N, C-alpha and C. Protein backbone atom coordinates (compact mmCIF):
# COMPACT_ATOMS: atom_id res chain seq x y z
N UNK A 1 -4.74 -20.25 3.39
CA UNK A 1 -4.63 -21.10 3.59
C UNK A 1 -4.72 -20.72 5.23
N UNK A 2 -5.91 -22.73 5.44
CA UNK A 2 -5.79 -22.69 6.97
C UNK A 2 -5.19 -23.18 7.69
N UNK A 3 -3.72 -23.72 6.43
CA UNK A 3 -2.28 -23.80 8.70
C UNK A 3 -1.72 -22.49 8.07
N UNK A 4 -1.67 -21.45 7.87
CA UNK A 4 -1.25 -20.34 8.59
C UNK A 4 -1.31 -18.90 8.14
N UNK A 5 -0.71 -18.21 8.53
CA UNK A 5 -1.64 -17.20 8.45
C UNK A 5 -0.25 -15.88 7.70
N UNK A 6 -1.09 -14.82 7.23
CA UNK A 6 -0.36 -14.32 6.06
C UNK A 6 0.57 -13.42 6.59
N UNK A 7 1.77 -13.18 6.10
CA UNK A 7 2.75 -12.33 6.41
C UNK A 7 2.21 -11.03 6.54
N UNK A 8 2.18 -10.46 8.02
CA UNK A 8 2.07 -8.95 8.10
C UNK A 8 0.51 -8.80 8.69
N UNK A 9 0.14 -10.30 8.76
CA UNK A 9 -1.39 -10.04 9.74
C UNK A 9 -1.12 -10.14 10.73
N UNK A 10 -1.82 -8.90 11.34
CA UNK A 10 -2.30 -8.66 12.88
C UNK A 10 -3.24 -8.81 13.55
N UNK A 11 -2.84 -9.65 14.69
CA UNK A 11 -3.91 -11.55 14.80
C UNK A 11 -4.11 -10.36 17.32
N UNK A 12 -4.86 -9.64 17.39
CA UNK A 12 -5.36 -9.17 18.76
C UNK A 12 -5.75 -10.87 19.52
N UNK A 13 -4.48 -10.60 21.09
CA UNK A 13 -5.05 -11.84 20.82
C UNK A 13 -6.22 -11.62 21.85
N UNK A 14 -6.88 -12.81 22.21
CA UNK A 14 -7.63 -13.30 22.88
C UNK A 14 -7.55 -13.93 24.35
N UNK A 15 -6.40 -14.10 24.68
CA UNK A 15 -5.90 -14.95 25.73
C UNK A 15 -4.59 -14.03 26.59
N UNK A 16 -4.15 -15.18 27.10
CA UNK A 16 -2.54 -14.28 27.95
C UNK A 16 -1.59 -15.38 27.38
N UNK A 17 -0.79 -14.83 26.52
CA UNK A 17 -0.34 -16.08 25.14
C UNK A 17 1.47 -15.58 25.25
N UNK A 18 1.72 -16.84 25.90
CA UNK A 18 3.31 -16.93 25.72
C UNK A 18 3.75 -16.93 24.95
N UNK A 19 4.31 -15.94 24.83
CA UNK A 19 5.54 -16.20 23.54
C UNK A 19 6.79 -16.54 23.53
N UNK A 20 7.95 -17.43 22.41
CA UNK A 20 9.04 -18.38 22.85
C UNK A 20 9.95 -17.73 22.66
N UNK A 21 11.52 -18.54 22.56
CA UNK A 21 12.49 -17.90 22.14
C UNK A 21 12.52 -19.08 20.79
N UNK A 22 11.45 -20.10 20.92
CA UNK A 22 11.95 -20.86 18.83
C UNK A 22 10.42 -21.61 19.63
N UNK A 23 11.00 -22.62 18.34
CA UNK A 23 9.00 -23.68 18.13
C UNK A 23 9.65 -24.78 19.67
N UNK A 24 9.17 -24.98 20.63
CA UNK A 24 9.63 -26.09 21.73
C UNK A 24 8.73 -24.77 22.31
N UNK A 25 7.46 -25.55 23.13
CA UNK A 25 6.48 -25.06 24.61
C UNK A 25 8.14 -25.35 25.84
N UNK A 26 8.95 -25.56 25.13
CA UNK A 26 10.04 -25.53 26.31
C UNK A 26 11.00 -25.15 26.77
N UNK A 27 10.94 -23.84 25.31
CA UNK A 27 12.11 -23.38 25.67
C UNK A 27 11.87 -21.54 25.95
N UNK A 28 12.79 -20.92 26.02
CA UNK A 28 12.65 -19.14 26.81
C UNK A 28 11.82 -18.82 26.82
N UNK A 29 10.86 -18.29 27.23
CA UNK A 29 10.46 -17.54 27.42
C UNK A 29 10.61 -16.09 27.22
N UNK A 30 10.03 -14.97 25.67
CA UNK A 30 10.62 -13.89 25.00
C UNK A 30 9.64 -13.19 26.34
N UNK A 31 7.96 -13.32 26.57
CA UNK A 31 7.59 -12.54 27.60
C UNK A 31 5.94 -13.29 26.95
N UNK A 32 5.30 -12.31 28.03
CA UNK A 32 4.02 -13.29 28.11
C UNK A 32 2.95 -11.53 28.10
N UNK A 33 2.13 -12.19 26.45
CA UNK A 33 1.22 -11.01 26.08
C UNK A 33 -0.42 -11.44 26.21
N UNK A 34 -1.07 -10.59 26.61
CA UNK A 34 -1.56 -10.41 27.29
C UNK A 34 -3.22 -9.80 26.75
N UNK A 35 -4.61 -10.33 26.52
CA UNK A 35 -5.77 -10.58 25.49
C UNK A 35 -6.29 -8.83 25.51
N UNK A 36 -6.08 -8.54 24.00
CA UNK A 36 -6.15 -7.41 24.33
C UNK A 36 -4.90 -6.85 23.14
N UNK A 37 -3.81 -7.58 23.49
CA UNK A 37 -2.77 -6.55 23.32
C UNK A 37 -2.85 -7.89 21.78
N UNK A 38 -1.75 -6.70 20.53
CA UNK A 38 -1.68 -7.35 19.30
C UNK A 38 -0.18 -8.04 19.07
N UNK A 39 0.14 -8.78 17.76
CA UNK A 39 0.64 -9.57 17.71
C UNK A 39 1.19 -10.05 15.92
N UNK A 40 2.02 -8.73 14.65
CA UNK A 40 2.16 -9.11 13.94
C UNK A 40 2.63 -10.09 13.96
N UNK A 41 2.18 -10.49 12.43
CA UNK A 41 2.52 -12.17 11.93
C UNK A 41 4.05 -12.27 10.95
N UNK A 42 4.51 -12.86 11.11
CA UNK A 42 6.29 -12.68 10.31
C UNK A 42 6.20 -14.19 9.15
N UNK A 43 6.00 -15.72 10.25
CA UNK A 43 5.91 -16.29 8.73
C UNK A 43 5.32 -17.46 10.18
N UNK A 44 4.56 -17.81 9.36
CA UNK A 44 3.84 -19.36 9.72
C UNK A 44 4.49 -20.54 9.33
N UNK A 45 4.37 -21.63 10.19
CA UNK A 45 5.56 -22.98 9.82
C UNK A 45 4.28 -23.97 10.38
N UNK A 46 5.41 -25.04 9.30
CA UNK A 46 4.27 -26.58 8.94
C UNK A 46 4.88 -27.13 11.01
N UNK A 47 5.29 -26.90 10.87
CA UNK A 47 5.38 -27.07 12.23
C UNK A 47 4.54 -27.45 13.46
N UNK A 48 3.10 -25.92 13.41
CA UNK A 48 2.31 -25.40 13.34
C UNK A 48 2.48 -23.87 14.54
N UNK A 49 3.66 -23.63 14.52
CA UNK A 49 3.99 -22.71 15.26
C UNK A 49 3.61 -21.17 14.62
N UNK A 50 4.09 -20.31 14.81
CA UNK A 50 3.67 -19.12 13.56
C UNK A 50 5.45 -17.64 14.58
N UNK A 51 6.08 -17.32 13.49
CA UNK A 51 6.79 -16.67 14.04
C UNK A 51 6.06 -14.86 14.04
N UNK A 52 6.40 -13.83 15.23
CA UNK A 52 6.01 -13.17 15.28
C UNK A 52 6.44 -12.04 16.15
N UNK A 53 5.72 -10.88 16.05
CA UNK A 53 6.29 -9.99 16.18
C UNK A 53 6.15 -8.45 16.96
N UNK A 54 6.10 -8.43 19.06
CA UNK A 54 5.45 -8.26 19.98
C UNK A 54 6.11 -6.95 20.71
N UNK A 55 5.50 -6.08 20.76
CA UNK A 55 6.48 -5.22 21.86
C UNK A 55 7.71 -4.73 21.74
N UNK A 56 8.17 -4.75 20.19
CA UNK A 56 9.52 -4.85 19.79
C UNK A 56 10.36 -6.03 19.93
N UNK A 57 9.95 -6.56 19.60
CA UNK A 57 10.90 -8.98 20.37
C UNK A 57 9.78 -9.39 19.47
N UNK A 58 10.70 -10.47 18.87
CA UNK A 58 10.09 -11.36 18.01
C UNK A 58 10.37 -12.79 19.16
N UNK A 59 8.99 -12.96 18.60
CA UNK A 59 9.11 -14.73 19.28
C UNK A 59 8.34 -15.80 18.91
N UNK A 60 7.69 -16.29 18.59
CA UNK A 60 6.57 -18.16 18.48
C UNK A 60 5.70 -17.85 19.41
N UNK A 61 5.31 -18.52 18.49
CA UNK A 61 4.09 -18.36 19.31
C UNK A 61 2.64 -19.73 18.62
N UNK A 62 2.33 -20.89 19.03
CA UNK A 62 1.72 -22.46 18.34
C UNK A 62 0.26 -21.17 17.79
N UNK A 63 0.67 -21.56 16.46
CA UNK A 63 -0.37 -20.84 15.49
C UNK A 63 -1.91 -21.27 15.57
N UNK A 64 -2.10 -22.45 16.34
CA UNK A 64 -3.57 -22.26 16.41
C UNK A 64 -4.06 -21.57 17.98
N UNK A 65 -3.35 -21.18 18.59
CA UNK A 65 -3.79 -19.42 19.54
C UNK A 65 -4.68 -18.47 18.89
N UNK A 66 -3.72 -18.21 17.53
CA UNK A 66 -4.06 -17.07 16.88
C UNK A 66 -5.28 -17.21 16.39
N UNK A 67 -5.40 -18.12 15.87
CA UNK A 67 -6.64 -18.92 14.57
C UNK A 67 -8.11 -18.71 15.89
């Protein structure tokens, strides 16, 4: 669907992207992923965030940054 990404999808980032601890731009950063790094989709949420696995960690990225 256009409003989410399928579980297991691997996305190569095009921009420096903050990975957050929760679905909130004010939440703590899990880390910062850089262009060319890859994240694996765990689940997309209607709130406009996608849970991803990255560098052995799990966090959230705004879905529109992944499309």
